[in-house]
N, C-alpha and C. Protein backbone atom coordinates (compact mmCIF):
# COMPACT_ATOMS: atom_id res chain seq x y z
N LEU A 1 -6.82 3.72 41.09
CA LEU A 1 -6.49 5.13 41.00
C LEU A 1 -7.16 5.96 42.09
N GLY A 2 -8.16 5.40 42.71
CA GLY A 2 -8.85 6.13 43.76
C GLY A 2 -9.94 7.00 43.19
N ALA A 3 -10.54 7.82 44.04
CA ALA A 3 -11.65 8.66 43.63
C ALA A 3 -11.18 9.73 42.67
N SER A 4 -12.11 10.22 41.86
CA SER A 4 -11.81 11.28 40.92
C SER A 4 -11.40 12.54 41.66
N ASP A 5 -10.39 13.23 41.15
CA ASP A 5 -9.94 14.49 41.71
C ASP A 5 -10.81 15.61 41.13
N PRO A 6 -11.63 16.27 41.94
CA PRO A 6 -12.53 17.27 41.40
C PRO A 6 -11.80 18.46 40.79
N GLU A 7 -10.51 18.64 41.14
CA GLU A 7 -9.76 19.75 40.58
C GLU A 7 -9.00 19.37 39.32
N ALA A 8 -9.03 18.10 38.94
CA ALA A 8 -8.31 17.65 37.75
C ALA A 8 -8.99 18.21 36.52
N SER A 9 -8.25 18.97 35.75
CA SER A 9 -8.80 19.56 34.53
C SER A 9 -7.65 19.84 33.58
N GLY A 10 -7.99 20.34 32.41
CA GLY A 10 -6.97 20.63 31.41
C GLY A 10 -7.26 19.91 30.12
N THR A 11 -6.30 19.96 29.21
CA THR A 11 -6.45 19.37 27.88
C THR A 11 -5.21 18.55 27.56
N ILE A 12 -5.43 17.38 26.96
CA ILE A 12 -4.35 16.49 26.54
C ILE A 12 -4.44 16.34 25.03
N ASP A 13 -3.30 16.48 24.36
CA ASP A 13 -3.23 16.25 22.92
C ASP A 13 -2.51 14.94 22.65
N ILE A 14 -3.22 14.02 22.01
CA ILE A 14 -2.67 12.70 21.72
C ILE A 14 -2.67 12.49 20.21
N GLY A 15 -1.53 12.13 19.66
CA GLY A 15 -1.46 11.70 18.27
C GLY A 15 -1.48 10.19 18.23
N ALA A 16 -2.37 9.60 17.44
CA ALA A 16 -2.52 8.14 17.45
C ALA A 16 -2.83 7.60 16.07
N THR A 17 -2.23 6.48 15.75
CA THR A 17 -2.59 5.77 14.53
C THR A 17 -3.94 5.09 14.74
N GLU A 18 -4.59 4.73 13.65
CA GLU A 18 -5.88 4.06 13.76
C GLU A 18 -5.76 2.71 14.46
N THR A 19 -4.67 2.00 14.20
CA THR A 19 -4.48 0.71 14.86
C THR A 19 -4.36 0.90 16.37
N ALA A 20 -3.59 1.90 16.80
CA ALA A 20 -3.45 2.16 18.23
C ALA A 20 -4.78 2.55 18.85
N LEU A 21 -5.57 3.34 18.13
CA LEU A 21 -6.88 3.74 18.65
C LEU A 21 -7.78 2.54 18.84
N HIS A 22 -7.88 1.68 17.83
CA HIS A 22 -8.82 0.56 17.87
C HIS A 22 -8.39 -0.52 18.86
N LEU A 23 -7.11 -0.79 18.94
CA LEU A 23 -6.65 -1.90 19.78
C LEU A 23 -6.50 -1.51 21.25
N LEU A 24 -6.34 -0.24 21.52
CA LEU A 24 -6.03 0.13 22.90
C LEU A 24 -6.69 1.41 23.38
N PHE A 25 -6.57 2.47 22.61
CA PHE A 25 -6.83 3.79 23.18
C PHE A 25 -8.30 4.18 23.22
N PHE A 26 -9.15 3.65 22.37
CA PHE A 26 -10.57 3.98 22.50
C PHE A 26 -11.09 3.54 23.87
N SER A 27 -10.79 2.30 24.25
CA SER A 27 -11.27 1.80 25.54
C SER A 27 -10.58 2.52 26.69
N ALA A 28 -9.27 2.82 26.55
CA ALA A 28 -8.56 3.51 27.62
C ALA A 28 -9.10 4.92 27.81
N MET A 29 -9.36 5.62 26.73
CA MET A 29 -9.86 6.99 26.84
C MET A 29 -11.28 7.01 27.40
N GLN A 30 -12.07 6.00 27.06
CA GLN A 30 -13.43 5.92 27.60
C GLN A 30 -13.39 5.77 29.13
N GLY A 31 -12.55 4.87 29.62
CA GLY A 31 -12.43 4.68 31.05
C GLY A 31 -11.87 5.91 31.75
N PHE A 32 -10.91 6.57 31.12
CA PHE A 32 -10.31 7.76 31.70
C PHE A 32 -11.33 8.88 31.83
N ARG A 33 -12.16 9.08 30.81
CA ARG A 33 -13.15 10.16 30.84
C ARG A 33 -14.20 9.93 31.92
N MET A 34 -14.49 8.67 32.22
CA MET A 34 -15.45 8.38 33.28
C MET A 34 -14.92 8.83 34.65
N ILE A 35 -13.61 8.74 34.83
CA ILE A 35 -13.01 9.11 36.10
C ILE A 35 -12.67 10.61 36.14
N TYR A 36 -12.22 11.13 35.00
CA TYR A 36 -11.80 12.52 34.92
C TYR A 36 -12.59 13.26 33.83
N PRO A 37 -13.86 13.51 34.07
CA PRO A 37 -14.70 14.12 33.03
C PRO A 37 -14.32 15.55 32.68
N ASP A 38 -13.53 16.22 33.53
CA ASP A 38 -13.18 17.61 33.27
C ASP A 38 -11.86 17.76 32.51
N ILE A 39 -11.23 16.64 32.19
CA ILE A 39 -10.01 16.69 31.38
C ILE A 39 -10.39 16.40 29.92
N ARG A 40 -10.11 17.35 29.06
CA ARG A 40 -10.43 17.20 27.64
C ARG A 40 -9.32 16.42 26.94
N ILE A 41 -9.71 15.58 25.99
CA ILE A 41 -8.74 14.83 25.20
C ILE A 41 -8.94 15.19 23.73
N ARG A 42 -7.89 15.69 23.11
CA ARG A 42 -7.91 15.98 21.68
C ARG A 42 -7.08 14.91 20.97
N VAL A 43 -7.72 14.17 20.08
CA VAL A 43 -7.06 13.09 19.37
C VAL A 43 -6.71 13.56 17.96
N HIS A 44 -5.46 13.40 17.60
CA HIS A 44 -4.98 13.78 16.26
C HIS A 44 -4.62 12.47 15.54
N ASN A 45 -5.44 12.09 14.60
CA ASN A 45 -5.29 10.81 13.90
C ASN A 45 -4.52 11.02 12.60
N HIS A 46 -3.29 10.50 12.56
CA HIS A 46 -2.44 10.66 11.38
C HIS A 46 -1.64 9.38 11.16
N SER A 47 -0.86 9.37 10.10
CA SER A 47 0.08 8.28 9.88
C SER A 47 1.20 8.37 10.90
N THR A 48 1.93 7.27 11.07
CA THR A 48 3.04 7.26 12.02
C THR A 48 4.07 8.35 11.74
N PRO A 49 4.54 8.53 10.49
CA PRO A 49 5.53 9.59 10.25
C PRO A 49 5.02 10.98 10.63
N GLU A 50 3.75 11.26 10.34
CA GLU A 50 3.19 12.57 10.66
C GLU A 50 3.06 12.76 12.17
N ILE A 51 2.64 11.70 12.87
CA ILE A 51 2.54 11.79 14.33
C ILE A 51 3.91 12.02 14.96
N LEU A 52 4.91 11.30 14.49
CA LEU A 52 6.26 11.49 15.04
C LEU A 52 6.77 12.90 14.78
N LYS A 53 6.45 13.44 13.61
CA LYS A 53 6.86 14.80 13.28
C LYS A 53 6.21 15.81 14.23
N ARG A 54 4.91 15.63 14.48
CA ARG A 54 4.19 16.56 15.36
C ARG A 54 4.64 16.41 16.81
N PHE A 55 4.94 15.17 17.20
CA PHE A 55 5.42 14.96 18.56
C PHE A 55 6.77 15.63 18.75
N ALA A 56 7.67 15.47 17.78
CA ALA A 56 9.00 16.07 17.88
C ALA A 56 8.93 17.58 17.90
N SER A 57 7.91 18.16 17.26
CA SER A 57 7.78 19.62 17.23
C SER A 57 7.14 20.17 18.50
N GLY A 58 6.69 19.29 19.39
CA GLY A 58 6.11 19.73 20.64
C GLY A 58 4.62 19.97 20.61
N GLU A 59 3.95 19.57 19.52
CA GLU A 59 2.50 19.80 19.41
C GLU A 59 1.68 18.81 20.23
N LEU A 60 2.28 17.67 20.60
CA LEU A 60 1.53 16.59 21.25
C LEU A 60 2.09 16.28 22.63
N ASP A 61 1.20 15.93 23.54
CA ASP A 61 1.64 15.43 24.85
C ASP A 61 2.11 13.99 24.73
N PHE A 62 1.40 13.21 23.91
CA PHE A 62 1.71 11.79 23.74
C PHE A 62 1.57 11.42 22.26
N ALA A 63 2.35 10.42 21.87
CA ALA A 63 2.20 9.81 20.55
C ALA A 63 1.97 8.33 20.76
N ALA A 64 0.88 7.82 20.23
CA ALA A 64 0.57 6.39 20.30
C ALA A 64 0.72 5.82 18.90
N VAL A 65 1.83 5.14 18.67
CA VAL A 65 2.15 4.69 17.31
C VAL A 65 2.45 3.20 17.30
N THR A 66 2.37 2.64 16.11
CA THR A 66 2.52 1.20 15.92
C THR A 66 3.88 0.90 15.32
N SER A 67 4.58 -0.06 15.87
CA SER A 67 5.89 -0.43 15.36
C SER A 67 5.75 -1.05 13.97
N PRO A 68 6.83 -0.97 13.17
CA PRO A 68 8.15 -0.44 13.51
C PRO A 68 8.25 1.07 13.22
N PHE A 69 9.10 1.75 13.97
CA PHE A 69 9.38 3.16 13.72
C PHE A 69 10.65 3.49 14.50
N GLU A 70 11.23 4.64 14.18
CA GLU A 70 12.41 5.11 14.90
C GLU A 70 11.96 6.23 15.82
N ALA A 71 12.06 6.00 17.11
CA ALA A 71 11.60 6.99 18.08
C ALA A 71 12.53 8.20 18.11
N PRO A 72 11.96 9.38 18.27
CA PRO A 72 12.81 10.57 18.41
C PRO A 72 13.73 10.43 19.61
N LYS A 73 14.87 11.09 19.54
CA LYS A 73 15.82 11.04 20.65
C LYS A 73 15.25 11.80 21.86
N ALA A 74 15.73 11.42 23.01
CA ALA A 74 15.37 12.10 24.27
C ALA A 74 13.88 12.08 24.54
N CYS A 75 13.25 10.93 24.29
CA CYS A 75 11.85 10.78 24.66
C CYS A 75 11.68 9.45 25.38
N ARG A 76 10.61 9.33 26.10
CA ARG A 76 10.28 8.08 26.79
C ARG A 76 9.42 7.25 25.85
N CYS A 77 9.82 6.01 25.62
CA CYS A 77 9.10 5.11 24.71
C CYS A 77 8.70 3.86 25.49
N GLU A 78 7.41 3.68 25.70
CA GLU A 78 6.92 2.58 26.53
C GLU A 78 6.03 1.64 25.71
N ASN A 79 6.27 0.36 25.88
CA ASN A 79 5.45 -0.63 25.18
C ASN A 79 4.11 -0.78 25.89
N MET A 80 3.01 -0.66 25.13
CA MET A 80 1.68 -0.72 25.71
C MET A 80 0.92 -1.99 25.34
N HIS A 81 1.17 -2.52 24.14
CA HIS A 81 0.37 -3.66 23.69
C HIS A 81 1.07 -4.34 22.52
N ASP A 82 1.23 -5.67 22.61
CA ASP A 82 1.79 -6.46 21.52
C ASP A 82 0.68 -7.17 20.76
N PHE A 83 0.86 -7.32 19.46
CA PHE A 83 -0.15 -8.02 18.67
C PHE A 83 0.46 -8.59 17.39
N PHE A 84 -0.26 -9.52 16.79
CA PHE A 84 0.11 -10.08 15.50
C PHE A 84 -0.99 -9.76 14.49
N ASP A 85 -0.58 -9.57 13.24
CA ASP A 85 -1.54 -9.51 12.15
C ASP A 85 -1.80 -10.93 11.65
N ILE A 86 -2.96 -11.13 11.06
CA ILE A 86 -3.25 -12.40 10.39
C ILE A 86 -3.68 -12.09 8.96
N LEU A 87 -3.55 -13.07 8.11
CA LEU A 87 -3.96 -12.91 6.71
C LEU A 87 -5.40 -13.34 6.56
N VAL A 88 -6.21 -12.46 5.98
CA VAL A 88 -7.63 -12.75 5.83
C VAL A 88 -8.10 -12.42 4.42
N GLY A 89 -9.25 -12.97 4.08
CA GLY A 89 -9.88 -12.69 2.79
C GLY A 89 -11.38 -12.77 2.92
N GLY A 90 -12.08 -12.34 1.88
CA GLY A 90 -13.52 -12.48 1.84
C GLY A 90 -13.91 -13.92 1.57
N THR A 91 -15.19 -14.16 1.54
CA THR A 91 -15.68 -15.55 1.45
C THR A 91 -15.29 -16.24 0.14
N GLN A 92 -15.00 -15.48 -0.91
CA GLN A 92 -14.64 -16.13 -2.17
C GLN A 92 -13.25 -16.77 -2.12
N TYR A 93 -12.51 -16.50 -1.03
CA TYR A 93 -11.18 -17.09 -0.87
C TYR A 93 -11.20 -18.27 0.10
N ARG A 94 -12.38 -18.81 0.34
CA ARG A 94 -12.51 -19.91 1.31
C ARG A 94 -11.64 -21.12 0.95
N HIS A 95 -11.41 -21.32 -0.34
CA HIS A 95 -10.62 -22.48 -0.76
C HIS A 95 -9.17 -22.41 -0.28
N LEU A 96 -8.73 -21.24 0.16
CA LEU A 96 -7.35 -21.11 0.64
C LEU A 96 -7.19 -21.56 2.08
N CYS A 97 -8.29 -21.96 2.72
CA CYS A 97 -8.24 -22.36 4.13
C CYS A 97 -7.81 -23.81 4.34
N SER A 98 -7.73 -24.58 3.30
CA SER A 98 -7.55 -26.02 3.46
C SER A 98 -6.14 -26.42 3.88
N ARG A 99 -5.15 -25.54 3.68
CA ARG A 99 -3.77 -25.86 4.05
C ARG A 99 -2.98 -24.58 4.26
N ARG A 100 -1.76 -24.76 4.79
CA ARG A 100 -0.89 -23.61 4.97
C ARG A 100 -0.30 -23.20 3.62
N ASN A 101 -0.32 -21.91 3.35
CA ASN A 101 0.13 -21.39 2.07
C ASN A 101 1.44 -20.61 2.24
N SER A 102 2.26 -20.63 1.21
CA SER A 102 3.45 -19.78 1.21
C SER A 102 3.10 -18.43 0.59
N LEU A 103 3.88 -17.42 0.94
CA LEU A 103 3.63 -16.11 0.35
C LEU A 103 3.79 -16.15 -1.17
N LYS A 104 4.76 -16.91 -1.64
CA LYS A 104 4.97 -17.01 -3.09
C LYS A 104 3.73 -17.57 -3.79
N GLU A 105 3.12 -18.60 -3.20
CA GLU A 105 1.92 -19.19 -3.80
C GLU A 105 0.77 -18.20 -3.87
N LEU A 106 0.71 -17.30 -2.90
CA LEU A 106 -0.42 -16.37 -2.81
C LEU A 106 -0.25 -15.13 -3.67
N LEU A 107 0.90 -15.00 -4.34
CA LEU A 107 1.12 -13.82 -5.17
C LEU A 107 0.20 -13.78 -6.38
N THR A 108 -0.41 -14.91 -6.72
CA THR A 108 -1.32 -14.93 -7.88
C THR A 108 -2.67 -14.31 -7.55
N PHE A 109 -2.92 -14.03 -6.26
CA PHE A 109 -4.19 -13.44 -5.85
C PHE A 109 -4.01 -11.94 -5.63
N PRO A 110 -5.08 -11.17 -5.75
CA PRO A 110 -4.98 -9.72 -5.49
C PRO A 110 -4.74 -9.44 -4.01
N TRP A 111 -3.94 -8.43 -3.75
CA TRP A 111 -3.61 -8.05 -2.38
C TRP A 111 -4.10 -6.64 -2.07
N VAL A 112 -4.56 -6.47 -0.83
CA VAL A 112 -4.99 -5.17 -0.33
C VAL A 112 -4.12 -4.81 0.86
N GLY A 113 -3.68 -3.57 0.95
CA GLY A 113 -2.86 -3.16 2.09
C GLY A 113 -2.69 -1.66 2.14
N LEU A 114 -2.06 -1.20 3.22
CA LEU A 114 -1.73 0.22 3.31
C LEU A 114 -0.63 0.54 2.31
N GLY A 115 -0.73 1.72 1.71
CA GLY A 115 0.14 2.04 0.59
C GLY A 115 1.52 2.53 0.96
N ARG A 116 2.28 2.83 -0.07
CA ARG A 116 3.65 3.32 0.09
C ARG A 116 3.66 4.58 0.95
N GLY A 117 4.73 4.69 1.73
CA GLY A 117 4.84 5.83 2.62
C GLY A 117 4.35 5.54 4.02
N THR A 118 3.79 4.34 4.24
CA THR A 118 3.36 3.95 5.58
C THR A 118 4.36 2.94 6.14
N VAL A 119 4.47 2.91 7.48
CA VAL A 119 5.39 1.95 8.09
C VAL A 119 4.89 0.52 7.89
N THR A 120 3.57 0.35 7.78
CA THR A 120 3.03 -1.00 7.57
C THR A 120 3.44 -1.52 6.20
N TYR A 121 3.38 -0.67 5.18
CA TYR A 121 3.81 -1.10 3.85
C TYR A 121 5.29 -1.51 3.89
N ASP A 122 6.13 -0.69 4.51
CA ASP A 122 7.56 -1.01 4.59
C ASP A 122 7.80 -2.32 5.34
N LEU A 123 7.03 -2.52 6.42
CA LEU A 123 7.17 -3.76 7.20
C LEU A 123 6.88 -4.97 6.34
N TYR A 124 5.79 -4.94 5.59
CA TYR A 124 5.42 -6.12 4.81
C TYR A 124 6.22 -6.24 3.51
N ARG A 125 6.71 -5.15 2.99
CA ARG A 125 7.64 -5.25 1.86
C ARG A 125 8.87 -6.04 2.28
N ASP A 126 9.40 -5.73 3.48
CA ASP A 126 10.58 -6.45 3.97
C ASP A 126 10.23 -7.89 4.35
N PHE A 127 9.04 -8.10 4.89
CA PHE A 127 8.59 -9.44 5.26
C PHE A 127 8.49 -10.33 4.03
N PHE A 128 7.91 -9.82 2.96
CA PHE A 128 7.82 -10.58 1.71
C PHE A 128 9.22 -10.88 1.17
N ALA A 129 10.09 -9.88 1.17
CA ALA A 129 11.43 -10.06 0.63
C ALA A 129 12.20 -11.13 1.40
N ALA A 130 12.00 -11.18 2.72
CA ALA A 130 12.68 -12.18 3.54
C ALA A 130 12.23 -13.59 3.20
N HIS A 131 11.05 -13.73 2.58
CA HIS A 131 10.55 -15.04 2.18
C HIS A 131 10.58 -15.23 0.66
N GLY A 132 11.46 -14.49 0.01
CA GLY A 132 11.68 -14.66 -1.43
C GLY A 132 10.52 -14.24 -2.30
N ALA A 133 9.73 -13.28 -1.83
CA ALA A 133 8.58 -12.80 -2.60
C ALA A 133 8.61 -11.28 -2.67
N GLU A 134 7.88 -10.74 -3.61
CA GLU A 134 7.81 -9.28 -3.77
C GLU A 134 6.39 -8.81 -3.56
N LEU A 135 6.22 -7.87 -2.64
CA LEU A 135 4.89 -7.35 -2.35
C LEU A 135 4.44 -6.40 -3.45
N GLU A 136 3.30 -6.71 -4.06
CA GLU A 136 2.69 -5.81 -5.02
C GLU A 136 1.22 -5.71 -4.69
N LEU A 137 0.79 -4.53 -4.26
CA LEU A 137 -0.60 -4.34 -3.87
C LEU A 137 -1.45 -4.02 -5.09
N ASP A 138 -2.57 -4.71 -5.20
CA ASP A 138 -3.53 -4.42 -6.26
C ASP A 138 -4.43 -3.26 -5.87
N MET A 139 -4.61 -3.08 -4.56
CA MET A 139 -5.41 -1.96 -4.08
C MET A 139 -4.74 -1.42 -2.81
N GLU A 140 -4.40 -0.13 -2.84
CA GLU A 140 -3.76 0.51 -1.71
C GLU A 140 -4.79 1.32 -0.93
N ALA A 141 -4.89 1.03 0.36
CA ALA A 141 -5.82 1.77 1.23
C ALA A 141 -5.09 2.94 1.86
N ALA A 142 -5.77 4.08 1.92
CA ALA A 142 -5.16 5.26 2.52
C ALA A 142 -5.10 5.17 4.03
N THR A 143 -6.07 4.46 4.64
CA THR A 143 -6.12 4.33 6.09
C THR A 143 -6.42 2.88 6.45
N SER A 144 -6.04 2.48 7.65
CA SER A 144 -6.27 1.09 8.07
C SER A 144 -7.76 0.80 8.25
N ASP A 145 -8.57 1.83 8.50
CA ASP A 145 -10.01 1.62 8.63
C ASP A 145 -10.63 1.10 7.33
N LEU A 146 -9.98 1.34 6.20
CA LEU A 146 -10.51 0.89 4.92
C LEU A 146 -10.17 -0.56 4.61
N LEU A 147 -9.19 -1.13 5.32
CA LEU A 147 -8.72 -2.47 4.97
C LEU A 147 -9.81 -3.52 5.10
N LEU A 148 -10.46 -3.58 6.26
CA LEU A 148 -11.46 -4.62 6.47
C LEU A 148 -12.63 -4.52 5.49
N PRO A 149 -13.20 -3.33 5.24
CA PRO A 149 -14.28 -3.25 4.25
C PRO A 149 -13.84 -3.70 2.85
N LEU A 150 -12.63 -3.33 2.44
CA LEU A 150 -12.15 -3.74 1.12
C LEU A 150 -11.97 -5.25 1.06
N ILE A 151 -11.43 -5.83 2.11
CA ILE A 151 -11.18 -7.27 2.12
C ILE A 151 -12.48 -8.05 2.18
N ARG A 152 -13.41 -7.61 3.03
CA ARG A 152 -14.66 -8.35 3.18
C ARG A 152 -15.50 -8.31 1.92
N HIS A 153 -15.28 -7.30 1.06
CA HIS A 153 -16.00 -7.22 -0.21
C HIS A 153 -15.19 -7.84 -1.35
N ASN A 154 -14.20 -8.65 -0.99
CA ASN A 154 -13.48 -9.50 -1.93
C ASN A 154 -12.64 -8.74 -2.96
N PHE A 155 -12.12 -7.57 -2.55
CA PHE A 155 -11.20 -6.87 -3.44
C PHE A 155 -9.80 -7.46 -3.39
N GLY A 156 -9.55 -8.31 -2.40
CA GLY A 156 -8.26 -8.95 -2.29
C GLY A 156 -8.05 -9.48 -0.89
N ILE A 157 -6.89 -10.08 -0.67
CA ILE A 157 -6.53 -10.60 0.64
C ILE A 157 -5.53 -9.64 1.28
N GLY A 158 -5.42 -9.66 2.61
CA GLY A 158 -4.50 -8.74 3.26
C GLY A 158 -4.32 -9.03 4.73
N PHE A 159 -3.35 -8.36 5.31
CA PHE A 159 -3.02 -8.53 6.73
C PHE A 159 -3.74 -7.49 7.56
N VAL A 160 -4.37 -7.94 8.65
CA VAL A 160 -5.02 -7.03 9.60
C VAL A 160 -4.76 -7.56 11.01
N PRO A 161 -4.82 -6.70 12.03
CA PRO A 161 -4.64 -7.18 13.40
C PRO A 161 -5.66 -8.26 13.76
N GLU A 162 -5.17 -9.32 14.38
CA GLU A 162 -6.04 -10.47 14.67
C GLU A 162 -7.27 -10.09 15.48
N ARG A 163 -7.10 -9.22 16.48
CA ARG A 163 -8.22 -8.87 17.35
C ARG A 163 -9.33 -8.16 16.59
N LEU A 164 -8.99 -7.40 15.57
CA LEU A 164 -10.00 -6.70 14.78
C LEU A 164 -10.70 -7.64 13.81
N ALA A 165 -9.97 -8.64 13.33
CA ALA A 165 -10.55 -9.56 12.34
C ALA A 165 -11.36 -10.67 12.97
N ARG A 166 -11.03 -11.07 14.21
CA ARG A 166 -11.64 -12.25 14.80
C ARG A 166 -13.17 -12.20 14.85
N PRO A 167 -13.81 -11.06 15.23
CA PRO A 167 -15.28 -11.04 15.24
C PRO A 167 -15.90 -11.32 13.87
N LEU A 168 -15.27 -10.81 12.80
CA LEU A 168 -15.79 -11.05 11.45
C LEU A 168 -15.55 -12.48 11.00
N ILE A 169 -14.46 -13.07 11.48
CA ILE A 169 -14.20 -14.48 11.16
C ILE A 169 -15.24 -15.37 11.85
N SER A 170 -15.57 -15.06 13.10
CA SER A 170 -16.55 -15.86 13.84
C SER A 170 -17.94 -15.76 13.21
N LYS A 171 -18.21 -14.64 12.54
CA LYS A 171 -19.51 -14.47 11.87
C LYS A 171 -19.48 -14.99 10.43
N LYS A 172 -18.32 -15.55 10.03
CA LYS A 172 -18.13 -16.11 8.69
C LYS A 172 -18.23 -15.04 7.59
N ILE A 173 -17.90 -13.81 7.96
CA ILE A 173 -17.83 -12.72 6.98
C ILE A 173 -16.45 -12.69 6.35
N LEU A 174 -15.44 -13.02 7.15
CA LEU A 174 -14.07 -13.14 6.68
C LEU A 174 -13.59 -14.57 6.92
N ILE A 175 -12.55 -14.95 6.20
CA ILE A 175 -11.90 -16.23 6.46
C ILE A 175 -10.42 -15.97 6.72
N GLN A 176 -9.84 -16.75 7.64
CA GLN A 176 -8.41 -16.64 7.89
C GLN A 176 -7.67 -17.58 6.96
N ILE A 177 -6.62 -17.06 6.33
CA ILE A 177 -5.83 -17.84 5.38
C ILE A 177 -4.55 -18.29 6.09
N PRO A 178 -4.38 -19.59 6.31
CA PRO A 178 -3.18 -20.07 7.03
C PRO A 178 -1.91 -19.84 6.21
N LEU A 179 -0.84 -19.47 6.90
CA LEU A 179 0.46 -19.27 6.27
C LEU A 179 1.46 -20.29 6.80
N ASP A 180 2.48 -20.55 6.01
CA ASP A 180 3.54 -21.46 6.46
C ASP A 180 4.67 -20.69 7.17
N CYS A 181 4.43 -19.40 7.46
CA CYS A 181 5.42 -18.60 8.17
C CYS A 181 4.69 -17.70 9.17
N LYS A 182 5.43 -17.24 10.15
CA LYS A 182 4.85 -16.41 11.21
C LYS A 182 4.96 -14.93 10.84
N THR A 183 3.89 -14.19 11.06
CA THR A 183 3.93 -12.75 10.78
C THR A 183 4.74 -12.04 11.87
N PRO A 184 5.27 -10.85 11.57
CA PRO A 184 6.09 -10.13 12.54
C PRO A 184 5.29 -9.70 13.78
N LEU A 185 5.92 -9.77 14.93
CA LEU A 185 5.32 -9.23 16.14
C LEU A 185 5.31 -7.71 16.03
N ARG A 186 4.16 -7.11 16.35
CA ARG A 186 4.04 -5.66 16.30
C ARG A 186 3.65 -5.14 17.69
N SER A 187 3.90 -3.88 17.91
CA SER A 187 3.62 -3.30 19.22
C SER A 187 3.05 -1.90 19.08
N ILE A 188 2.22 -1.53 20.04
CA ILE A 188 1.78 -0.15 20.17
C ILE A 188 2.64 0.49 21.25
N LYS A 189 3.29 1.58 20.90
CA LYS A 189 4.19 2.26 21.82
C LYS A 189 3.61 3.63 22.18
N LEU A 190 3.87 4.03 23.41
CA LEU A 190 3.47 5.36 23.87
C LEU A 190 4.73 6.20 24.03
N LEU A 191 4.79 7.30 23.29
CA LEU A 191 5.91 8.22 23.39
C LEU A 191 5.50 9.43 24.22
N SER A 192 6.37 9.83 25.12
CA SER A 192 6.14 11.02 25.93
C SER A 192 7.49 11.63 26.25
N GLU A 193 7.48 12.80 26.87
CA GLU A 193 8.73 13.45 27.23
C GLU A 193 9.44 12.64 28.30
N ASN A 194 10.76 12.70 28.30
CA ASN A 194 11.55 11.97 29.29
C ASN A 194 11.22 12.38 30.71
N ARG A 195 11.05 13.68 30.89
CA ARG A 195 10.67 14.16 32.21
C ARG A 195 9.17 13.95 32.38
N HIS A 196 8.61 14.46 33.44
CA HIS A 196 7.17 14.34 33.63
C HIS A 196 6.45 15.07 32.51
N GLY A 197 5.18 14.77 32.35
CA GLY A 197 4.39 15.34 31.26
C GLY A 197 4.35 16.85 31.29
N LYS A 198 3.84 17.42 30.22
CA LYS A 198 3.81 18.87 30.08
C LYS A 198 2.84 19.53 31.05
N SER A 199 1.88 18.77 31.54
CA SER A 199 0.84 19.35 32.38
C SER A 199 0.37 18.33 33.40
N ARG A 200 -0.40 18.82 34.37
CA ARG A 200 -0.99 17.93 35.36
C ARG A 200 -1.93 16.93 34.69
N ALA A 201 -2.68 17.41 33.70
CA ALA A 201 -3.61 16.53 32.99
C ALA A 201 -2.86 15.41 32.27
N ALA A 202 -1.73 15.76 31.63
CA ALA A 202 -0.94 14.75 30.92
C ALA A 202 -0.36 13.73 31.89
N ASP A 203 0.13 14.20 33.05
CA ASP A 203 0.65 13.28 34.06
C ASP A 203 -0.45 12.34 34.57
N THR A 204 -1.65 12.89 34.75
CA THR A 204 -2.77 12.08 35.23
C THR A 204 -3.12 11.00 34.22
N PHE A 205 -3.14 11.36 32.94
CA PHE A 205 -3.44 10.38 31.89
C PHE A 205 -2.38 9.29 31.83
N HIS A 206 -1.12 9.69 31.97
CA HIS A 206 -0.04 8.70 31.92
C HIS A 206 -0.16 7.71 33.08
N ARG A 207 -0.45 8.21 34.28
CA ARG A 207 -0.61 7.32 35.42
C ARG A 207 -1.79 6.37 35.21
N TYR A 208 -2.85 6.88 34.63
CA TYR A 208 -4.02 6.04 34.37
C TYR A 208 -3.67 4.91 33.39
N LEU A 209 -2.95 5.24 32.31
CA LEU A 209 -2.58 4.22 31.34
C LEU A 209 -1.70 3.14 31.96
N LYS A 210 -0.74 3.56 32.78
CA LYS A 210 0.15 2.58 33.39
C LYS A 210 -0.60 1.70 34.39
N CYS A 211 -1.55 2.29 35.11
CA CYS A 211 -2.35 1.49 36.04
C CYS A 211 -3.23 0.52 35.28
N SER A 212 -3.80 0.97 34.18
CA SER A 212 -4.65 0.09 33.36
C SER A 212 -3.85 -1.06 32.80
N GLU A 213 -2.60 -0.78 32.41
CA GLU A 213 -1.73 -1.81 31.86
C GLU A 213 -1.43 -2.88 32.91
N ARG A 214 -1.20 -2.44 34.15
CA ARG A 214 -0.89 -3.39 35.22
C ARG A 214 -2.10 -4.16 35.70
N CYS A 215 -3.22 -3.43 35.81
CA CYS A 215 -4.40 -4.02 36.45
C CYS A 215 -5.35 -4.68 35.47
N GLY A 216 -5.21 -4.33 34.18
CA GLY A 216 -6.15 -4.88 33.21
C GLY A 216 -7.42 -4.07 33.20
N PRO A 217 -8.37 -4.43 32.27
CA PRO A 217 -9.60 -3.69 32.16
C PRO A 217 -10.40 -3.74 33.45
């Protein structure tokens, strides 16, 4: 990107899901602020439907949301990061590691997940149905940040992004439960206006993200 532009300033409003923040945008925003310290970033953390609503109303420069969702018309939708969820549980579920399990077999255990009204719930409701099972959550989390603490304390098993779970698995705090089917591919998408951004600051942030995507960390 070259040297920092001393005249670069302004404010960027970003709506982002917690998954998008943890998997991509925390590190991206940290790097951006080091180069452009005079550009303020306001992060609006909401569910995907609420972020899309605010983006469509013009309140946000960017929306960073997790698939699946229906993008508003006449906007630019760019794929930023692909990932898979894995099924994990606390240490009391260690006996489930010995073989690949079907979703039907695992229905006898308590499940933890994001509740009704979230795109993640809808995704896994359809995923279960496609494998002849019905998703019934024993504990519904209001935010994705609550999933790992609930699972690690043995309130149930659930799906979380692999990159977030892997450090806890390596420390033997969580265990990965093998499945006999593949979980859906998910993506973090960046929504912006079709034309250039609303401001110089927004354009600068977009260029930084695209350069980071090409060049890596």
